[in-house]
N, C-alpha and C. Protein backbone atom coordinates (compact mmCIF):
# COMPACT_ATOMS: atom_id res chain seq x y z
N MET A 1 19.97 45.72 -33.67
CA MET A 1 20.34 45.43 -32.36
C MET A 1 19.23 45.53 -31.79
N ARG A 2 18.47 46.36 -31.72
CA ARG A 2 16.91 46.53 -31.03
C ARG A 2 16.33 45.27 -31.32
N PHE A 3 16.17 44.96 -32.62
CA PHE A 3 15.24 43.59 -32.74
C PHE A 3 15.92 42.39 -31.88
N SER A 4 17.01 42.24 -31.96
CA SER A 4 17.53 40.88 -31.12
C SER A 4 17.06 41.20 -29.57
N CYS A 5 17.39 42.56 -29.04
CA CYS A 5 16.81 42.69 -27.76
C CYS A 5 15.60 42.54 -27.51
N TRP A 6 14.77 42.97 -28.57
CA TRP A 6 13.15 42.77 -28.45
C TRP A 6 13.08 41.33 -28.25
N ASN A 7 13.62 40.35 -29.27
CA ASN A 7 13.23 39.13 -28.95
C ASN A 7 13.63 38.18 -27.79
N LYS A 8 14.74 38.82 -27.09
CA LYS A 8 15.37 38.31 -25.99
C LYS A 8 14.41 38.53 -24.88
N VAL A 9 13.64 40.07 -24.99
CA VAL A 9 12.87 40.02 -23.98
C VAL A 9 11.61 39.18 -23.89
N HIS A 10 11.22 39.15 -25.13
CA HIS A 10 10.03 38.14 -25.41
C HIS A 10 10.39 36.71 -24.95
N ALA A 11 11.78 36.19 -25.32
CA ALA A 11 12.04 35.04 -24.96
C ALA A 11 12.17 34.88 -23.42
N MET A 12 12.39 35.84 -22.53
CA MET A 12 12.53 35.83 -21.13
C MET A 12 10.86 35.88 -20.60
N ARG A 13 9.98 36.65 -21.33
CA ARG A 13 8.58 36.42 -20.78
C ARG A 13 8.28 35.09 -20.88
N GLY A 14 8.54 34.40 -22.17
CA GLY A 14 7.96 33.18 -22.16
C GLY A 14 8.45 32.31 -21.36
N MET A 15 9.66 32.17 -20.96
CA MET A 15 10.42 31.36 -20.10
C MET A 15 9.79 31.66 -18.72
N LEU A 16 9.61 32.88 -18.39
CA LEU A 16 9.14 33.02 -17.09
C LEU A 16 7.69 32.68 -16.96
N ALA A 17 6.97 32.66 -18.38
CA ALA A 17 5.24 32.30 -18.17
C ALA A 17 5.47 30.60 -17.96
N LEU A 18 6.67 30.18 -18.71
CA LEU A 18 6.48 28.47 -18.54
C LEU A 18 6.75 28.02 -17.13
N MET A 19 7.56 28.92 -16.44
CA MET A 19 8.14 28.51 -15.20
C MET A 19 6.82 28.79 -14.03
N GLY A 20 6.17 29.67 -14.49
CA GLY A 20 4.92 29.75 -13.50
C GLY A 20 4.04 28.88 -13.82
N MET A 21 3.87 28.41 -15.08
CA MET A 21 2.96 27.41 -15.16
C MET A 21 3.41 25.97 -14.65
N LEU A 22 4.75 25.62 -14.49
CA LEU A 22 5.44 24.57 -14.10
C LEU A 22 5.20 24.76 -12.43
N LEU A 23 5.50 25.74 -11.78
CA LEU A 23 5.09 26.04 -10.44
C LEU A 23 3.56 25.82 -10.02
N PHE A 24 2.85 26.17 -11.06
CA PHE A 24 1.26 26.35 -10.65
C PHE A 24 1.09 24.63 -10.86
N CYS A 25 1.34 23.89 -11.56
CA CYS A 25 1.27 22.40 -11.95
C CYS A 25 1.80 21.52 -10.91
N GLY A 26 2.92 22.07 -10.11
CA GLY A 26 3.79 21.17 -9.42
C GLY A 26 2.99 20.70 -8.39
N PRO A 27 2.13 21.27 -7.58
CA PRO A 27 1.55 20.53 -6.36
C PRO A 27 0.51 19.47 -6.86
N ALA A 28 0.29 19.43 -7.87
CA ALA A 28 -0.98 18.40 -8.59
C ALA A 28 0.01 17.24 -8.93
N VAL A 29 1.36 17.18 -9.57
CA VAL A 29 2.20 16.20 -9.45
C VAL A 29 2.60 15.77 -8.34
N ALA A 30 3.08 16.61 -7.38
CA ALA A 30 3.56 16.31 -6.00
C ALA A 30 2.43 15.40 -5.20
N GLU A 31 1.03 15.74 -5.56
CA GLU A 31 0.03 15.29 -4.72
C GLU A 31 0.05 13.71 -4.76
N GLU A 32 0.35 13.10 -6.12
CA GLU A 32 0.13 11.81 -6.54
C GLU A 32 1.20 11.13 -5.93
N THR A 33 2.39 11.63 -5.45
CA THR A 33 3.33 10.81 -4.63
C THR A 33 3.20 10.76 -3.23
N THR A 34 1.89 11.43 -2.57
CA THR A 34 1.42 10.85 -1.21
C THR A 34 0.77 9.80 -1.37
N VAL A 35 0.64 9.09 -0.36
CA VAL A 35 -0.26 7.89 -0.17
C VAL A 35 -1.41 7.97 -0.69
N ALA A 36 -2.35 9.09 0.06
CA ALA A 36 -3.59 9.45 -0.27
C ALA A 36 -3.87 9.66 -1.93
N GLY A 37 -2.64 10.37 -2.33
CA GLY A 37 -2.75 10.86 -3.79
C GLY A 37 -2.60 9.62 -4.85
N GLN A 38 -1.84 8.64 -4.08
CA GLN A 38 -1.59 7.35 -4.86
C GLN A 38 -2.88 6.59 -4.78
N LEU A 39 -3.55 6.15 -3.79
CA LEU A 39 -4.73 5.63 -3.45
C LEU A 39 -5.77 6.41 -4.48
N ASP A 40 -5.98 7.47 -4.40
CA ASP A 40 -6.91 8.18 -5.01
C ASP A 40 -6.59 7.83 -6.61
N ALA A 41 -5.38 8.09 -6.93
CA ALA A 41 -5.34 7.81 -8.51
C ALA A 41 -5.56 6.52 -8.59
N LEU A 42 -5.29 5.41 -7.97
CA LEU A 42 -5.56 4.19 -8.21
C LEU A 42 -6.66 3.92 -8.10
N GLY A 43 -7.93 4.62 -7.64
CA GLY A 43 -9.38 4.26 -7.55
C GLY A 43 -9.63 3.46 -6.28
N TYR A 44 -8.66 3.18 -5.37
CA TYR A 44 -8.83 2.46 -4.05
C TYR A 44 -9.78 3.26 -3.17
N GLU A 45 -10.87 2.83 -2.56
CA GLU A 45 -11.43 3.48 -1.22
C GLU A 45 -10.99 3.11 -0.14
N TYR A 46 -10.82 3.99 0.88
CA TYR A 46 -10.06 3.73 2.06
C TYR A 46 -10.59 4.81 3.25
N GLU A 47 -10.28 4.43 4.44
CA GLU A 47 -10.25 5.26 5.56
C GLU A 47 -8.92 5.39 6.23
N VAL A 48 -9.20 6.73 6.61
CA VAL A 48 -7.89 7.13 7.61
C VAL A 48 -8.07 7.10 9.12
N ASP A 49 -7.30 5.96 9.73
CA ASP A 49 -7.60 5.55 11.13
C ASP A 49 -7.02 6.89 11.97
N ASP A 50 -6.95 6.66 13.53
CA ASP A 50 -6.59 7.64 14.45
C ASP A 50 -5.00 8.05 14.35
N ASP A 51 -4.27 6.99 13.77
CA ASP A 51 -3.05 7.00 13.78
C ASP A 51 -2.42 7.83 12.29
N GLY A 52 -3.41 7.95 11.73
CA GLY A 52 -3.17 8.58 10.31
C GLY A 52 -2.80 7.60 9.16
N ASP A 53 -3.09 6.12 9.42
CA ASP A 53 -2.73 4.98 8.63
C ASP A 53 -3.98 4.70 7.68
N TYR A 54 -3.81 4.32 6.56
CA TYR A 54 -4.78 4.06 5.67
C TYR A 54 -5.35 2.60 5.77
N ARG A 55 -6.65 2.45 5.66
CA ARG A 55 -7.46 1.07 6.10
C ARG A 55 -7.96 1.06 4.85
N LEU A 56 -7.76 -0.25 4.32
CA LEU A 56 -8.41 -0.55 2.95
C LEU A 56 -9.10 -2.14 3.19
N VAL A 57 -10.21 -2.50 2.50
CA VAL A 57 -10.81 -3.54 2.57
C VAL A 57 -11.00 -4.28 1.00
N PHE A 58 -10.22 -5.27 0.75
CA PHE A 58 -10.02 -5.82 -0.48
C PHE A 58 -11.15 -6.91 -0.64
N GLU A 59 -11.88 -7.24 -1.63
CA GLU A 59 -12.69 -8.39 -1.99
C GLU A 59 -11.83 -9.36 -2.55
N VAL A 60 -11.58 -10.43 -1.81
CA VAL A 60 -10.74 -11.35 -2.24
C VAL A 60 -11.48 -12.40 -3.25
N ASP A 61 -12.68 -12.57 -3.01
CA ASP A 61 -13.71 -13.27 -3.96
C ASP A 61 -15.25 -13.15 -3.43
N GLU A 62 -16.07 -13.67 -3.68
CA GLU A 62 -17.38 -13.50 -3.40
C GLU A 62 -18.00 -13.61 -2.03
N GLN A 63 -17.07 -14.40 -1.41
CA GLN A 63 -17.47 -14.58 0.15
C GLN A 63 -16.30 -13.76 1.15
N ARG A 64 -15.37 -13.71 0.58
CA ARG A 64 -14.33 -13.46 1.64
C ARG A 64 -13.73 -11.72 1.20
N THR A 65 -13.17 -11.17 2.32
CA THR A 65 -12.60 -9.84 2.19
C THR A 65 -11.17 -9.87 3.08
N GLN A 66 -10.58 -8.90 2.94
CA GLN A 66 -9.16 -9.07 3.81
C GLN A 66 -8.91 -7.47 3.94
N LEU A 67 -8.56 -7.07 5.26
CA LEU A 67 -8.25 -5.90 5.80
C LEU A 67 -6.75 -5.62 5.46
N VAL A 68 -6.38 -4.46 4.90
CA VAL A 68 -5.28 -4.21 4.58
C VAL A 68 -4.76 -2.65 5.10
N PHE A 69 -3.82 -2.48 5.96
CA PHE A 69 -3.27 -0.97 6.31
C PHE A 69 -2.14 -0.71 5.28
N VAL A 70 -2.11 0.74 4.94
CA VAL A 70 -0.83 1.37 4.46
C VAL A 70 -0.50 2.26 5.69
N LEU A 71 0.66 1.97 6.30
CA LEU A 71 1.11 2.82 7.42
C LEU A 71 1.77 4.27 6.88
N SER A 72 1.10 5.39 7.35
CA SER A 72 1.26 6.76 7.07
C SER A 72 2.74 7.07 7.08
N GLY A 73 3.14 6.53 8.35
CA GLY A 73 4.74 6.99 8.66
C GLY A 73 5.81 5.87 8.02
N THR A 74 7.26 6.27 7.83
CA THR A 74 8.00 5.27 7.22
C THR A 74 9.17 5.13 8.42
N GLU A 75 9.79 4.24 8.00
CA GLU A 75 10.91 3.86 8.86
C GLU A 75 12.10 4.02 8.07
N THR A 76 13.25 4.25 8.69
CA THR A 76 14.77 4.52 7.95
C THR A 76 16.02 3.67 8.67
N TYR A 77 16.74 3.12 7.77
CA TYR A 77 18.11 2.78 8.25
C TYR A 77 19.13 2.91 7.42
N GLY A 78 19.96 3.80 7.59
CA GLY A 78 20.87 4.15 6.70
C GLY A 78 20.24 4.90 5.47
N SER A 79 20.42 4.68 4.45
CA SER A 79 19.93 5.17 3.28
C SER A 79 18.57 4.73 2.92
N HIS A 80 18.10 3.68 3.79
CA HIS A 80 16.77 3.09 3.34
C HIS A 80 15.59 3.76 3.91
N GLU A 81 14.57 4.27 3.12
CA GLU A 81 13.47 4.53 3.83
C GLU A 81 12.43 3.75 3.41
N VAL A 82 11.49 3.12 4.33
CA VAL A 82 10.47 2.00 3.82
C VAL A 82 9.06 2.31 4.35
N ARG A 83 8.19 2.02 3.55
CA ARG A 83 6.76 2.19 3.92
C ARG A 83 6.38 0.56 4.22
N GLU A 84 5.33 0.40 5.10
CA GLU A 84 4.77 -0.77 5.46
C GLU A 84 3.43 -0.96 5.10
N VAL A 85 3.16 -2.05 4.49
CA VAL A 85 1.89 -2.55 4.08
C VAL A 85 1.23 -3.79 5.02
N TRP A 86 0.40 -3.58 5.82
CA TRP A 86 -0.06 -4.69 6.76
C TRP A 86 -1.51 -5.35 6.51
N ALA A 87 -1.46 -6.72 6.68
CA ALA A 87 -2.77 -7.28 6.44
C ALA A 87 -2.58 -8.44 7.59
N PRO A 88 -3.59 -8.31 8.58
CA PRO A 88 -3.58 -9.21 9.78
C PRO A 88 -4.37 -10.50 9.24
N ALA A 89 -3.99 -11.75 9.78
CA ALA A 89 -4.57 -12.88 9.17
C ALA A 89 -5.02 -13.93 10.83
N TYR A 90 -4.30 -13.81 12.03
CA TYR A 90 -4.50 -14.75 12.89
C TYR A 90 -4.62 -13.84 14.33
N ARG A 91 -5.56 -14.23 15.20
CA ARG A 91 -5.58 -13.61 16.42
C ARG A 91 -5.56 -14.69 17.59
N ALA A 92 -4.38 -14.50 18.16
CA ALA A 92 -4.01 -15.53 19.17
C ALA A 92 -5.16 -15.34 20.48
N VAL A 93 -5.38 -16.54 21.00
CA VAL A 93 -6.16 -16.63 22.30
C VAL A 93 -5.76 -15.81 23.23
N ASP A 94 -4.39 -15.88 23.39
CA ASP A 94 -3.70 -15.10 24.73
C ASP A 94 -2.61 -14.60 23.70
N ASP A 95 -1.54 -13.81 24.41
CA ASP A 95 -0.56 -13.22 23.79
C ASP A 95 0.56 -14.15 23.03
N GLY A 96 0.45 -15.53 23.22
CA GLY A 96 1.58 -16.32 22.52
C GLY A 96 0.81 -17.36 21.41
N PHE A 97 1.49 -17.36 20.48
CA PHE A 97 0.91 -18.18 19.41
C PHE A 97 1.30 -19.68 19.82
N PRO A 98 0.26 -20.76 19.32
CA PRO A 98 0.50 -22.09 19.41
C PRO A 98 1.76 -22.59 18.69
N VAL A 99 2.34 -23.56 19.07
CA VAL A 99 3.80 -23.86 18.38
C VAL A 99 3.30 -24.10 16.69
N GLU A 100 2.41 -24.90 16.48
CA GLU A 100 2.07 -25.30 15.08
C GLU A 100 1.75 -24.05 14.12
N VAL A 101 1.04 -22.97 14.86
CA VAL A 101 0.89 -21.59 13.96
C VAL A 101 2.16 -20.91 13.64
N ALA A 102 2.71 -20.68 14.82
CA ALA A 102 3.94 -20.13 14.61
C ALA A 102 5.14 -20.68 13.69
N ASN A 103 4.98 -22.12 13.71
CA ASN A 103 5.89 -22.61 12.70
C ASN A 103 5.45 -22.62 11.18
N ARG A 104 4.33 -22.64 10.94
CA ARG A 104 3.69 -22.53 9.91
C ARG A 104 3.60 -21.19 9.26
N LEU A 105 3.72 -20.22 10.20
CA LEU A 105 3.85 -18.79 9.68
C LEU A 105 5.50 -18.74 9.23
N LEU A 106 6.29 -19.09 9.99
CA LEU A 106 7.70 -19.16 9.84
C LEU A 106 8.09 -19.67 8.48
N ALA A 107 7.41 -20.99 8.24
CA ALA A 107 7.78 -21.32 6.97
C ALA A 107 7.11 -20.71 5.94
N ALA A 108 5.92 -20.19 6.05
CA ALA A 108 5.32 -19.43 4.81
C ALA A 108 6.10 -18.02 4.52
N SER A 109 6.52 -17.47 5.58
CA SER A 109 7.40 -16.33 5.33
C SER A 109 8.68 -16.66 4.13
N HIS A 110 9.29 -18.02 4.37
CA HIS A 110 10.26 -18.27 3.48
C HIS A 110 9.79 -18.49 2.04
N GLU A 111 8.39 -18.92 1.90
CA GLU A 111 8.13 -19.11 0.63
C GLU A 111 7.69 -17.80 -0.23
N ASN A 112 7.17 -17.07 0.42
CA ASN A 112 6.54 -15.78 -0.04
C ASN A 112 7.47 -14.68 -0.75
N LYS A 113 7.15 -14.23 -1.81
CA LYS A 113 7.90 -13.52 -2.74
C LYS A 113 8.26 -11.87 -2.06
N LEU A 114 7.17 -11.47 -1.54
CA LEU A 114 7.33 -10.26 -0.77
C LEU A 114 6.97 -10.15 0.56
N GLY A 115 7.53 -9.61 1.57
CA GLY A 115 7.00 -9.56 3.03
C GLY A 115 7.26 -10.88 3.55
N ALA A 116 6.75 -10.88 5.01
CA ALA A 116 6.98 -11.68 5.95
C ALA A 116 6.01 -11.64 7.03
N TRP A 117 5.76 -12.86 7.89
CA TRP A 117 4.80 -12.70 8.95
C TRP A 117 5.49 -12.09 10.03
N VAL A 118 4.84 -11.43 10.85
CA VAL A 118 5.42 -10.63 12.16
C VAL A 118 4.12 -11.03 13.23
N LYS A 119 4.61 -10.78 14.38
CA LYS A 119 3.35 -10.84 15.71
C LYS A 119 3.51 -9.82 16.12
N GLN A 120 2.21 -9.08 15.99
CA GLN A 120 2.09 -7.73 16.63
C GLN A 120 0.95 -7.76 17.51
N ASP A 121 0.94 -7.62 18.80
CA ASP A 121 0.06 -7.58 19.81
C ASP A 121 -0.95 -8.41 19.73
N GLY A 122 -0.54 -9.87 19.83
CA GLY A 122 -1.39 -10.90 19.90
C GLY A 122 -1.85 -11.34 18.15
N LEU A 123 -1.42 -10.39 17.13
CA LEU A 123 -2.09 -10.89 15.74
C LEU A 123 -0.77 -11.29 15.15
N ALA A 124 -1.07 -12.13 14.18
CA ALA A 124 -0.18 -12.36 12.95
C ALA A 124 -0.43 -11.57 11.86
N VAL A 125 0.46 -10.82 11.59
CA VAL A 125 0.21 -9.86 10.41
C VAL A 125 1.23 -10.03 9.21
N TYR A 126 0.82 -9.94 8.08
CA TYR A 126 1.82 -10.32 7.11
C TYR A 126 1.87 -8.84 6.59
N VAL A 127 3.36 -8.52 6.40
CA VAL A 127 3.95 -7.13 6.45
C VAL A 127 4.79 -7.02 4.79
N VAL A 128 4.51 -6.12 4.14
CA VAL A 128 5.34 -5.83 2.86
C VAL A 128 5.69 -4.60 3.35
N LYS A 129 7.55 -4.43 3.26
CA LYS A 129 8.23 -3.36 3.39
C LYS A 129 8.41 -2.94 1.97
N LEU A 130 8.30 -1.82 1.54
CA LEU A 130 8.64 -1.38 0.31
C LEU A 130 9.28 0.11 0.50
N PRO A 131 10.00 0.57 -0.69
CA PRO A 131 10.55 1.82 -0.52
C PRO A 131 9.35 2.84 -0.43
N ALA A 132 9.79 3.92 0.38
CA ALA A 132 8.91 4.99 0.68
C ALA A 132 8.48 5.73 -0.54
N GLY A 133 9.17 6.07 -1.41
CA GLY A 133 9.04 6.39 -2.57
C GLY A 133 8.58 5.43 -3.64
N ALA A 134 7.94 4.25 -3.57
CA ALA A 134 7.28 3.52 -4.71
C ALA A 134 6.54 4.05 -5.46
N SER A 135 6.47 3.22 -6.62
CA SER A 135 5.39 4.17 -7.55
C SER A 135 4.12 3.62 -7.10
N SER A 136 2.71 4.02 -7.64
CA SER A 136 1.66 3.83 -7.36
C SER A 136 1.43 2.20 -7.73
N ALA A 137 1.87 1.81 -8.94
CA ALA A 137 1.91 0.61 -9.31
C ALA A 137 2.54 -0.33 -8.11
N GLN A 138 3.62 -0.17 -7.85
CA GLN A 138 4.21 -0.96 -6.78
C GLN A 138 3.34 -1.08 -5.53
N LEU A 139 2.97 0.13 -4.92
CA LEU A 139 2.24 0.10 -3.86
C LEU A 139 0.82 -0.85 -3.90
N SER A 140 0.34 -0.49 -5.19
CA SER A 140 -0.94 -1.56 -5.51
C SER A 140 -0.46 -3.00 -5.64
N ASP A 141 0.55 -3.45 -5.95
CA ASP A 141 1.01 -4.72 -6.06
C ASP A 141 1.39 -5.09 -4.57
N ALA A 142 1.84 -4.23 -3.78
CA ALA A 142 2.20 -4.64 -2.45
C ALA A 142 0.93 -5.03 -1.58
N MET A 143 0.06 -4.10 -1.83
CA MET A 143 -1.44 -4.47 -1.09
C MET A 143 -1.99 -5.58 -1.63
N GLU A 144 -2.33 -5.73 -2.76
CA GLU A 144 -2.78 -7.09 -3.37
C GLU A 144 -2.04 -7.92 -3.05
N TYR A 145 -0.86 -8.12 -3.12
CA TYR A 145 -0.30 -9.38 -2.60
C TYR A 145 -0.39 -9.76 -1.09
N ALA A 146 -0.04 -8.76 -0.07
CA ALA A 146 -0.45 -8.82 1.36
C ALA A 146 -1.80 -9.25 1.37
N ALA A 147 -2.79 -8.75 0.81
CA ALA A 147 -4.14 -9.33 1.00
C ALA A 147 -4.35 -10.74 0.52
N ASN A 148 -4.02 -11.03 -0.57
CA ASN A 148 -4.05 -12.49 -0.77
C ASN A 148 -3.09 -13.63 -0.07
N VAL A 149 -2.11 -13.17 0.43
CA VAL A 149 -1.30 -13.96 1.16
C VAL A 149 -2.02 -14.10 2.74
N ALA A 150 -2.45 -13.05 3.09
CA ALA A 150 -3.02 -12.87 4.43
C ALA A 150 -4.47 -13.59 4.50
N ASP A 151 -5.04 -13.63 3.38
CA ASP A 151 -6.40 -14.27 3.37
C ASP A 151 -6.14 -15.75 3.34
N ARG A 152 -5.44 -16.31 2.68
CA ARG A 152 -5.11 -17.53 2.52
C ARG A 152 -4.90 -18.00 3.72
N MET A 153 -3.94 -17.64 4.46
CA MET A 153 -3.48 -17.76 5.65
C MET A 153 -4.85 -17.88 6.74
N GLU A 154 -5.41 -16.97 6.85
CA GLU A 154 -6.50 -16.85 7.57
C GLU A 154 -7.33 -17.80 7.47
N ALA A 155 -7.75 -18.23 5.90
CA ALA A 155 -8.76 -19.22 5.90
C ALA A 155 -8.12 -20.66 6.38
N ALA A 156 -6.79 -20.73 6.23
CA ALA A 156 -6.16 -22.06 6.36
C ALA A 156 -6.08 -22.33 8.07
N LEU A 157 -5.86 -21.03 8.96
CA LEU A 157 -5.67 -21.20 10.19
C LEU A 157 -7.00 -21.16 10.81
N SER A 158 -8.08 -20.78 10.43
CA SER A 158 -9.35 -20.44 11.17
C SER A 158 -10.62 -21.43 10.56
N ASP A 159 -10.13 -22.48 9.91
CA ASP A 159 -11.21 -23.42 9.19
C ASP A 159 -12.24 -22.54 8.21
N GLY A 160 -11.82 -21.61 7.75
CA GLY A 160 -12.64 -20.74 6.78
C GLY A 160 -13.20 -19.81 7.20
N GLU A 161 -12.93 -19.10 8.39
CA GLU A 161 -13.41 -17.99 9.25
C GLU A 161 -12.87 -16.70 8.54
N ASP A 162 -13.90 -15.73 8.53
CA ASP A 162 -13.26 -14.44 8.06
C ASP A 162 -13.27 -13.54 8.66
N GLU A 163 -12.30 -13.33 9.77
CA GLU A 163 -12.40 -12.01 10.78
C GLU A 163 -12.01 -10.75 10.28
N PHE A 164 -10.83 -10.67 9.45
CA PHE A 164 -10.20 -9.66 8.82
C PHE A 164 -10.65 -9.29 7.48
């Protein structure tokens, strides 16, 4: 009898030690689910702006770069929670877009696989909305896709200029 009780005590101690190790390792695993943790794990360089959003610059080719933002806040509707990835591509002279620019952006939104064009404070911004709990690979794909789509549109609308 004593022998089996002694084994139970050792088994309990082992379980408690394992639980302690899991609790100790837990924050490191949880950190990778934050935007900063994901960007760090993916090896991206970024800055955090005054709003707490993540600002990245993608090299599209040898001559061009594209600005991309990963918003720190999320939006919800019902059971959906999404995070937005933004990439600006066009700055209007005034608050409105010329008809040909607006129509081109609208048509392009239909053709793209992820995201759509939106008007934000006089800017045309390509926005990909992905689940707030998206994996690091999904976040990386969304950022790269937004950067490529926005840079192509910026080059087309600006005769090759590279503002963003």
